[in-house]
Amino acid sequence: MKRRNAVLLGNILMGLGLISMIGGVGLTIVGNMGGVALLPGDLAHIPIMGIFIGALVWLVGARVGGRDRIADRYWWIKHCNDDKYRHKHL
């Protein structure tokens, strides 16, 4: 798979994962409101499972698209990395 296609597929998977997570959170909130029953009985846990499935799809998309590493551009990594500031005590 070419890099351009891999990045495109990764972005699509990350978008689907994000939509699934947001939808799962929204359905969970609406389902917990008083008097609203979206899914009966045992099926009421499906929106919560959608959050975790969305997170898994997000991570797969990040891995396929090449965004699974922490970039050096993040402030915390640049300024507070433990390896640079670790003091050796005698």
PDB file of N, CA and C in Angstrom:
ATOM      1  N   MET A   1       0.850  -1.167   0.000  1.00  0.00           N
ATOM      2  CA  MET A   1       0.000   0.000   0.000  1.00  0.00           C
ATOM      3  C   MET A   1       0.900   1.237   0.000  1.00  0.00           C
ATOM      4  N   LYS A   2       0.594   2.152  -0.880  1.00  0.00           N
ATOM      5  CA  LYS A   2       1.383   3.378  -0.940  1.00  0.00           C
ATOM      6  C   LYS A   2       1.137   4.229   0.293  1.00  0.00           C
ATOM      7  N   ARG A   3       2.107   5.069   0.602  1.00  0.00           N
ATOM      8  CA  ARG A   3       2.007   5.901   1.803  1.00  0.00           C
ATOM      9  C   ARG A   3       0.790   6.810   1.766  1.00  0.00           C
ATOM     10  N   ARG A   4       0.505   7.378   0.603  1.00  0.00           N
ATOM     11  CA  ARG A   4      -0.649   8.277   0.491  1.00  0.00           C
ATOM     12  C   ARG A   4      -1.946   7.528   0.780  1.00  0.00           C
ATOM     13  N   ASN A   5      -2.073   6.302   0.258  1.00  0.00           N
ATOM     14  CA  ASN A   5      -3.270   5.507   0.516  1.00  0.00           C
ATOM     15  C   ASN A   5      -3.354   5.068   1.972  1.00  0.00           C
ATOM     16  N   ALA A   6      -2.213   4.764   2.568  1.00  0.00           N
ATOM     17  CA  ALA A   6      -2.197   4.366   3.981  1.00  0.00           C
ATOM     18  C   ALA A   6      -2.624   5.530   4.874  1.00  0.00           C
ATOM     19  N   VAL A   7      -2.142   6.723   4.565  1.00  0.00           N
ATOM     20  CA  VAL A   7      -2.526   7.898   5.351  1.00  0.00           C
ATOM     21  C   VAL A   7      -4.019   8.175   5.183  1.00  0.00           C
ATOM     22  N   LEU A   8      -4.523   8.040   3.963  1.00  0.00           N
ATOM     23  CA  LEU A   8      -5.952   8.260   3.714  1.00  0.00           C
ATOM     24  C   LEU A   8      -6.804   7.233   4.460  1.00  0.00           C
ATOM     25  N   LEU A   9      -6.421   5.964   4.386  1.00  0.00           N
ATOM     26  CA  LEU A   9      -7.158   4.925   5.112  1.00  0.00           C
ATOM     27  C   LEU A   9      -7.084   5.151   6.615  1.00  0.00           C
ATOM     28  N   GLY A  10      -5.919   5.557   7.115  1.00  0.00           N
ATOM     29  CA  GLY A  10      -5.774   5.846   8.537  1.00  0.00           C
ATOM     30  C   GLY A  10      -6.670   6.993   8.968  1.00  0.00           C
ATOM     31  N   ASN A  11      -6.728   8.053   8.152  1.00  0.00           N
ATOM     32  CA  ASN A  11      -7.596   9.189   8.486  1.00  0.00           C
ATOM     33  C   ASN A  11      -9.064   8.797   8.468  1.00  0.00           C
ATOM     34  N   ILE A  12      -9.466   7.965   7.528  1.00  0.00           N
ATOM     35  CA  ILE A  12     -10.859   7.509   7.465  1.00  0.00           C
ATOM     36  C   ILE A  12     -11.199   6.679   8.702  1.00  0.00           C
ATOM     37  N   LEU A  13     -10.311   5.767   9.074  1.00  0.00           N
ATOM     38  CA  LEU A  13     -10.558   4.945  10.266  1.00  0.00           C
ATOM     39  C   LEU A  13     -10.585   5.786  11.533  1.00  0.00           C
ATOM     40  N   MET A  14      -9.695   6.782  11.621  1.00  0.00           N
ATOM     41  CA  MET A  14      -9.704   7.653  12.793  1.00  0.00           C
ATOM     42  C   MET A  14     -10.997   8.462  12.848  1.00  0.00           C
ATOM     43  N   GLY A  15     -11.490   8.899  11.705  1.00  0.00           N
ATOM     44  CA  GLY A  15     -12.762   9.625  11.658  1.00  0.00           C
ATOM     45  C   GLY A  15     -13.933   8.746  12.061  1.00  0.00           C
ATOM     46  N   LEU A  16     -13.966   7.508  11.568  1.00  0.00           N
ATOM     47  CA  LEU A  16     -15.038   6.583  11.950  1.00  0.00           C
ATOM     48  C   LEU A  16     -14.990   6.267  13.441  1.00  0.00           C
ATOM     49  N   GLY A  17     -13.786   6.114  13.969  1.00  0.00           N
ATOM     50  CA  GLY A  17     -13.647   5.867  15.402  1.00  0.00           C
ATOM     51  C   GLY A  17     -14.138   7.047  16.224  1.00  0.00           C
ATOM     52  N   LEU A  18     -13.815   8.255  15.777  1.00  0.00           N
ATOM     53  CA  LEU A  18     -14.264   9.453  16.484  1.00  0.00           C
ATOM     54  C   LEU A  18     -15.783   9.566  16.448  1.00  0.00           C
ATOM     55  N   ILE A  19     -16.378   9.310  15.296  1.00  0.00           N
ATOM     56  CA  ILE A  19     -17.839   9.363  15.178  1.00  0.00           C
ATOM     57  C   ILE A  19     -18.485   8.313  16.070  1.00  0.00           C
ATOM     58  N   SER A  20     -17.897   7.126  16.119  1.00  0.00           N
ATOM     59  CA  SER A  20     -18.438   6.066  16.968  1.00  0.00           C
ATOM     60  C   SER A  20     -18.340   6.423  18.449  1.00  0.00           C
ATOM     61  N   MET A  21     -17.222   7.012  18.854  1.00  0.00           N
ATOM     62  CA  MET A  21     -17.074   7.398  20.262  1.00  0.00           C
ATOM     63  C   MET A  21     -18.048   8.506  20.642  1.00  0.00           C
ATOM     64  N   ILE A  22     -18.170   9.513  19.797  1.00  0.00           N
ATOM     65  CA  ILE A  22     -19.096  10.609  20.089  1.00  0.00           C
ATOM     66  C   ILE A  22     -20.537  10.116  20.087  1.00  0.00           C
ATOM     67  N   GLY A  23     -20.868   9.266  19.124  1.00  0.00           N
ATOM     68  CA  GLY A  23     -22.219   8.699  19.088  1.00  0.00           C
ATOM     69  C   GLY A  23     -22.516   7.839  20.298  1.00  0.00           C
ATOM     70  N   GLY A  24     -21.535   7.049  20.725  1.00  0.00           N
ATOM     71  CA  GLY A  24     -21.724   6.219  21.910  1.00  0.00           C
ATOM     72  C   GLY A  24     -21.931   7.044  23.161  1.00  0.00           C
ATOM     73  N   VAL A  25     -21.159   8.124  23.294  1.00  0.00           N
ATOM     74  CA  VAL A  25     -21.332   9.001  24.455  1.00  0.00           C
ATOM     75  C   VAL A  25     -22.702   9.663  24.406  1.00  0.00           C
ATOM     76  N   GLY A  26     -23.097  10.155  23.232  1.00  0.00           N
ATOM     77  CA  GLY A  26     -24.408  10.800  23.088  1.00  0.00           C
ATOM     78  C   GLY A  26     -25.557   9.856  23.392  1.00  0.00           C
ATOM     79  N   LEU A  27     -25.489   8.637  22.853  1.00  0.00           N
ATOM     80  CA  LEU A  27     -26.554   7.672  23.126  1.00  0.00           C
ATOM     81  C   LEU A  27     -26.585   7.247  24.580  1.00  0.00           C
ATOM     82  N   THR A  28     -25.427   7.159  25.218  1.00  0.00           N
ATOM     83  CA  THR A  28     -25.385   6.818  26.637  1.00  0.00           C
ATOM     84  C   THR A  28     -26.027   7.909  27.473  1.00  0.00           C
ATOM     85  N   ILE A  29     -25.728   9.171  27.143  1.00  0.00           N
ATOM     86  CA  ILE A  29     -26.326  10.281  27.889  1.00  0.00           C
ATOM     87  C   ILE A  29     -27.829  10.325  27.683  1.00  0.00           C
ATOM     88  N   VAL A  30     -28.275  10.183  26.438  1.00  0.00           N
ATOM     89  CA  VAL A  30     -29.717  10.212  26.162  1.00  0.00           C
ATOM     90  C   VAL A  30     -30.412   9.020  26.815  1.00  0.00           C
ATOM     91  N   GLY A  31     -29.764   7.857  26.803  1.00  0.00           N
ATOM     92  CA  GLY A  31     -30.357   6.671  27.410  1.00  0.00           C
ATOM     93  C   GLY A  31     -30.480   6.760  28.915  1.00  0.00           C
ATOM     94  N   ASN A  32     -29.625   7.546  29.559  1.00  0.00           N
ATOM     95  CA  ASN A  32     -29.685   7.685  31.014  1.00  0.00           C
ATOM     96  C   ASN A  32     -30.602   8.806  31.479  1.00  0.00           C
ATOM     97  N   MET A  33     -31.139   9.555  30.551  1.00  0.00           N
ATOM     98  CA  MET A  33     -32.089  10.598  30.930  1.00  0.00           C
ATOM     99  C   MET A  33     -33.396   9.940  31.368  1.00  0.00           C
ATOM    100  N   GLY A  34     -34.073  10.572  32.271  1.00  0.00           N
ATOM    101  CA  GLY A  34     -35.298   9.995  32.814  1.00  0.00           C
ATOM    102  C   GLY A  34     -36.404   9.830  31.783  1.00  0.00           C
ATOM    103  N   GLY A  35     -36.983   8.667  31.748  1.00  0.00           N
ATOM    104  CA  GLY A  35     -38.139   8.423  30.903  1.00  0.00           C
ATOM    105  C   GLY A  35     -37.829   8.093  29.448  1.00  0.00           C
ATOM    106  N   VAL A  36     -36.565   8.020  29.077  1.00  0.00           N
ATOM    107  CA  VAL A  36     -36.206   7.713  27.693  1.00  0.00           C
ATOM    108  C   VAL A  36     -35.600   6.315  27.672  1.00  0.00           C
ATOM    109  N   ALA A  37     -36.199   5.427  26.897  1.00  0.00           N
ATOM    110  CA  ALA A  37     -35.692   4.068  26.765  1.00  0.00           C
ATOM    111  C   ALA A  37     -35.387   3.827  25.292  1.00  0.00           C
ATOM    112  N   LEU A  38     -34.114   3.969  24.918  1.00  0.00           N
ATOM    113  CA  LEU A  38     -33.726   3.759  23.525  1.00  0.00           C
ATOM    114  C   LEU A  38     -33.671   2.277  23.177  1.00  0.00           C
ATOM    115  N   LEU A  39     -33.043   1.503  24.026  1.00  0.00           N
ATOM    116  CA  LEU A  39     -32.883   0.079  23.784  1.00  0.00           C
ATOM    117  C   LEU A  39     -33.381  -0.691  24.999  1.00  0.00           C
ATOM    118  N   PRO A  40     -34.158  -1.731  24.784  1.00  0.00           N
ATOM    119  CA  PRO A  40     -34.706  -2.480  25.917  1.00  0.00           C
ATOM    120  C   PRO A  40     -33.704  -3.481  26.510  1.00  0.00           C
ATOM    121  N   GLY A  41     -33.793  -3.665  27.801  1.00  0.00           N
ATOM    122  CA  GLY A  41     -33.094  -4.735  28.514  1.00  0.00           C
ATOM    123  C   GLY A  41     -31.593  -4.774  28.337  1.00  0.00           C
ATOM    124  N   ASP A  42     -31.094  -5.923  27.878  1.00  0.00           N
ATOM    125  CA  ASP A  42     -29.662  -6.160  27.762  1.00  0.00           C
ATOM    126  C   ASP A  42     -29.014  -5.347  26.649  1.00  0.00           C
ATOM    127  N   LEU A  43     -29.794  -4.840  25.731  1.00  0.00           N
ATOM    128  CA  LEU A  43     -29.235  -4.065  24.624  1.00  0.00           C
ATOM    129  C   LEU A  43     -28.862  -2.644  25.025  1.00  0.00           C
ATOM    130  N   ALA A  44     -29.158  -2.265  26.246  1.00  0.00           N
ATOM    131  CA  ALA A  44     -28.873  -0.913  26.708  1.00  0.00           C
ATOM    132  C   ALA A  44     -27.373  -0.655  26.858  1.00  0.00           C
ATOM    133  N   HIS A  45     -26.557  -1.696  26.865  1.00  0.00           N
ATOM    134  CA  HIS A  45     -25.115  -1.534  27.021  1.00  0.00           C
ATOM    135  C   HIS A  45     -24.390  -1.374  25.691  1.00  0.00           C
ATOM    136  N   ILE A  46     -25.089  -1.440  24.588  1.00  0.00           N
ATOM    137  CA  ILE A  46     -24.468  -1.314  23.270  1.00  0.00           C
ATOM    138  C   ILE A  46     -23.834   0.063  23.065  1.00  0.00           C
ATOM    139  N   PRO A  47     -24.464   1.180  23.463  1.00  0.00           N
ATOM    140  CA  PRO A  47     -23.785   2.471  23.276  1.00  0.00           C
ATOM    141  C   PRO A  47     -22.468   2.587  24.038  1.00  0.00           C
ATOM    142  N   ILE A  48     -22.383   1.991  25.211  1.00  0.00           N
ATOM    143  CA  ILE A  48     -21.126   2.022  25.961  1.00  0.00           C
ATOM    144  C   ILE A  48     -20.071   1.192  25.242  1.00  0.00           C
ATOM    145  N   MET A  49     -20.473   0.074  24.686  1.00  0.00           N
ATOM    146  CA  MET A  49     -19.547  -0.747  23.917  1.00  0.00           C
ATOM    147  C   MET A  49     -19.095  -0.004  22.661  1.00  0.00           C
ATOM    148  N   GLY A  50     -19.957   0.846  22.104  1.00  0.00           N
ATOM    149  CA  GLY A  50     -19.586   1.640  20.939  1.00  0.00           C
ATOM    150  C   GLY A  50     -18.449   2.606  21.225  1.00  0.00           C
ATOM    151  N   ILE A  51     -18.366   3.095  22.458  1.00  0.00           N
ATOM    152  CA  ILE A  51     -17.263   3.981  22.841  1.00  0.00           C
ATOM    153  C   ILE A  51     -15.944   3.229  22.747  1.00  0.00           C
ATOM    154  N   PHE A  52     -15.896   2.022  23.267  1.00  0.00           N
ATOM    155  CA  PHE A  52     -14.666   1.251  23.265  1.00  0.00           C
ATOM    156  C   PHE A  52     -14.310   0.749  21.861  1.00  0.00           C
ATOM    157  N   ILE A  53     -15.314   0.373  21.085  1.00  0.00           N
ATOM    158  CA  ILE A  53     -15.051  -0.037  19.704  1.00  0.00           C
ATOM    159  C   ILE A  53     -14.532   1.146  18.900  1.00  0.00           C
ATOM    160  N   GLY A  54     -15.099   2.331  19.135  1.00  0.00           N
ATOM    161  CA  GLY A  54     -14.612   3.530  18.461  1.00  0.00           C
ATOM    162  C   GLY A  54     -13.173   3.843  18.818  1.00  0.00           C
ATOM    163  N   ALA A  55     -12.814   3.652  20.088  1.00  0.00           N
ATOM    164  CA  ALA A  55     -11.427   3.886  20.505  1.00  0.00           C
ATOM    165  C   ALA A  55     -10.488   2.886  19.832  1.00  0.00           C
ATOM    166  N   LEU A  56     -10.928   1.649  19.707  1.00  0.00           N
ATOM    167  CA  LEU A  56     -10.111   0.639  19.044  1.00  0.00           C
ATOM    168  C   LEU A  56      -9.929   0.968  17.565  1.00  0.00           C
ATOM    169  N   VAL A  57     -10.997   1.386  16.896  1.00  0.00           N
ATOM    170  CA  VAL A  57     -10.906   1.769  15.480  1.00  0.00           C
ATOM    171  C   VAL A  57     -10.006   2.995  15.327  1.00  0.00           C
ATOM    172  N   TRP A  58     -10.102   3.937  16.263  1.00  0.00           N
ATOM    173  CA  TRP A  58      -9.237   5.119  16.251  1.00  0.00           C
ATOM    174  C   TRP A  58      -7.763   4.692  16.315  1.00  0.00           C
ATOM    175  N   LEU A  59      -7.434   3.782  17.228  1.00  0.00           N
ATOM    176  CA  LEU A  59      -6.052   3.345  17.383  1.00  0.00           C
ATOM    177  C   LEU A  59      -5.549   2.584  16.161  1.00  0.00           C
ATOM    178  N   VAL A  60      -6.414   1.779  15.552  1.00  0.00           N
ATOM    179  CA  VAL A  60      -6.028   1.074  14.325  1.00  0.00           C
ATOM    180  C   VAL A  60      -5.760   2.083  13.212  1.00  0.00           C
ATOM    181  N   GLY A  61      -6.609   3.096  13.100  1.00  0.00           N
ATOM    182  CA  GLY A  61      -6.396   4.133  12.098  1.00  0.00           C
ATOM    183  C   GLY A  61      -5.110   4.900  12.321  1.00  0.00           C
ATOM    184  N   ALA A  62      -4.776   5.175  13.581  1.00  0.00           N
ATOM    185  CA  ALA A  62      -3.528   5.868  13.886  1.00  0.00           C
ATOM    186  C   ALA A  62      -2.335   5.003  13.522  1.00  0.00           C
ATOM    187  N   ARG A  63      -2.448   3.713  13.759  1.00  0.00           N
ATOM    188  CA  ARG A  63      -1.347   2.802  13.427  1.00  0.00           C
ATOM    189  C   ARG A  63      -1.167   2.693  11.913  1.00  0.00           C
ATOM    190  N   VAL A  64      -2.266   2.573  11.173  1.00  0.00           N
ATOM    191  CA  VAL A  64      -2.192   2.447   9.720  1.00  0.00           C
ATOM    192  C   VAL A  64      -1.683   3.743   9.100  1.00  0.00           C
ATOM    193  N   GLY A  65      -2.145   4.870   9.616  1.00  0.00           N
ATOM    194  CA  GLY A  65      -1.769   6.156   9.062  1.00  0.00           C
ATOM    195  C   GLY A  65      -0.402   6.654   9.487  1.00  0.00           C
ATOM    196  N   GLY A  66       0.270   5.960  10.381  1.00  0.00           N
ATOM    197  CA  GLY A  66       1.606   6.344  10.805  1.00  0.00           C
ATOM    198  C   GLY A  66       1.630   7.403  11.887  1.00  0.00           C
ATOM    199  N   ARG A  67       0.560   7.523  12.652  1.00  0.00           N
ATOM    200  CA  ARG A  67       0.501   8.531  13.709  1.00  0.00           C
ATOM    201  C   ARG A  67       0.526   7.902  15.098  1.00  0.00           C
ATOM    202  N   ASP A  68       1.176   6.781  15.217  1.00  0.00           N
ATOM    203  CA  ASP A  68       1.179   6.073  16.487  1.00  0.00           C
ATOM    204  C   ASP A  68       2.335   6.471  17.387  1.00  0.00           C
ATOM    205  N   ARG A  69       3.223   7.338  16.926  1.00  0.00           N
ATOM    206  CA  ARG A  69       4.353   7.778  17.746  1.00  0.00           C
ATOM    207  C   ARG A  69       4.077   9.157  18.329  1.00  0.00           C
ATOM    208  N   ILE A  70       4.707   9.441  19.445  1.00  0.00           N
ATOM    209  CA  ILE A  70       4.590  10.761  20.058  1.00  0.00           C
ATOM    210  C   ILE A  70       5.572  11.687  19.353  1.00  0.00           C
ATOM    211  N   ALA A  71       5.075  12.781  18.868  1.00  0.00           N
ATOM    212  CA  ALA A  71       5.921  13.719  18.137  1.00  0.00           C
ATOM    213  C   ALA A  71       6.712  14.596  19.095  1.00  0.00           C
ATOM    214  N   ASP A  72       7.863  15.051  18.651  1.00  0.00           N
ATOM    215  CA  ASP A  72       8.703  15.929  19.461  1.00  0.00           C
ATOM    216  C   ASP A  72       8.135  17.333  19.560  1.00  0.00           C
ATOM    217  N   ARG A  73       7.106  17.622  18.815  1.00  0.00           N
ATOM    218  CA  ARG A  73       6.574  18.979  18.829  1.00  0.00           C
ATOM    219  C   ARG A  73       5.749  19.277  20.074  1.00  0.00           C
ATOM    220  N   TYR A  74       5.419  18.265  20.856  1.00  0.00           N
ATOM    221  CA  TYR A  74       4.620  18.493  22.045  1.00  0.00           C
ATOM    222  C   TYR A  74       5.465  19.128  23.138  1.00  0.00           C
ATOM    223  N   TRP A  75       4.949  20.113  23.769  1.00  0.00           N
ATOM    224  CA  TRP A  75       5.681  20.905  24.745  1.00  0.00           C
ATOM    225  C   TRP A  75       6.182  20.041  25.888  1.00  0.00           C
ATOM    226  N   TRP A  76       5.344  19.158  26.397  1.00  0.00           N
ATOM    227  CA  TRP A  76       5.708  18.368  27.564  1.00  0.00           C
ATOM    228  C   TRP A  76       6.885  17.450  27.249  1.00  0.00           C
ATOM    229  N   ILE A  77       6.896  16.869  26.055  1.00  0.00           N
ATOM    230  CA  ILE A  77       7.986  15.974  25.678  1.00  0.00           C
ATOM    231  C   ILE A  77       9.283  16.758  25.527  1.00  0.00           C
ATOM    232  N   LYS A  78       9.211  17.944  24.963  1.00  0.00           N
ATOM    233  CA  LYS A  78      10.418  18.749  24.785  1.00  0.00           C
ATOM    234  C   LYS A  78      11.009  19.217  26.106  1.00  0.00           C
ATOM    235  N   HIS A  79      10.163  19.677  27.013  1.00  0.00           N
ATOM    236  CA  HIS A  79      10.654  20.382  28.192  1.00  0.00           C
ATOM    237  C   HIS A  79      10.703  19.540  29.462  1.00  0.00           C
ATOM    238  N   CYS A  80       9.960  18.484  29.533  1.00  0.00           N
ATOM    239  CA  CYS A  80       9.876  17.739  30.798  1.00  0.00           C
ATOM    240  C   CYS A  80      10.128  16.251  30.616  1.00  0.00           C
ATOM    241  N   ASN A  81      10.962  15.880  29.682  1.00  0.00           N
ATOM    242  CA  ASN A  81      11.277  14.481  29.477  1.00  0.00           C
ATOM    243  C   ASN A  81      12.098  13.975  30.668  1.00  0.00           C
ATOM    244  N   ASP A  82      11.706  12.846  31.232  1.00  0.00           N
ATOM    245  CA  ASP A  82      12.373  12.316  32.410  1.00  0.00           C
ATOM    246  C   ASP A  82      13.820  11.907  32.143  1.00  0.00           C
ATOM    247  N   ASP A  83      14.143  11.497  30.935  1.00  0.00           N
ATOM    248  CA  ASP A  83      15.494  11.045  30.641  1.00  0.00           C
ATOM    249  C   ASP A  83      16.502  12.185  30.732  1.00  0.00           C
ATOM    250  N   LYS A  84      16.107  13.373  30.314  1.00  0.00           N
ATOM    251  CA  LYS A  84      17.038  14.502  30.348  1.00  0.00           C
ATOM    252  C   LYS A  84      17.226  15.038  31.754  1.00  0.00           C
ATOM    253  N   TYR A  85      16.182  14.988  32.570  1.00  0.00           N
ATOM    254  CA  TYR A  85      16.214  15.636  33.872  1.00  0.00           C
ATOM    255  C   TYR A  85      16.360  14.676  35.029  1.00  0.00           C
ATOM    256  N   ARG A  86      16.641  13.442  34.754  1.00  0.00           N
ATOM    257  CA  ARG A  86      16.777  12.469  35.824  1.00  0.00           C
ATOM    258  C   ARG A  86      18.114  12.674  36.529  1.00  0.00           C
ATOM    259  N   HIS A  87      18.046  12.921  37.808  1.00  0.00           N
ATOM    260  CA  HIS A  87      19.255  13.154  38.608  1.00  0.00           C
ATOM    261  C   HIS A  87      19.722  11.822  39.212  1.00  0.00           C
ATOM    262  N   LYS A  88      20.983  11.620  39.125  1.00  0.00           N
ATOM    263  CA  LYS A  88      21.548  10.404  39.726  1.00  0.00           C
ATOM    264  C   LYS A  88      21.934  10.703  41.154  1.00  0.00           C
ATOM    265  N   HIS A  89      21.324   9.981  42.071  1.00  0.00           N
ATOM    266  CA  HIS A  89      21.635  10.170  43.487  1.00  0.00           C
ATOM    267  C   HIS A  89      22.663   9.132  43.912  1.00  0.00           C
ATOM    268  N   LEU A  90      23.584   9.565  44.730  1.00  0.00           N
ATOM    269  CA  LEU A  90      24.614   8.653  45.223  1.00  0.00           C
ATOM    270  C   LEU A  90      24.168   7.908  46.428  1.00  0.00           C
TER     271      LEU A  90
END
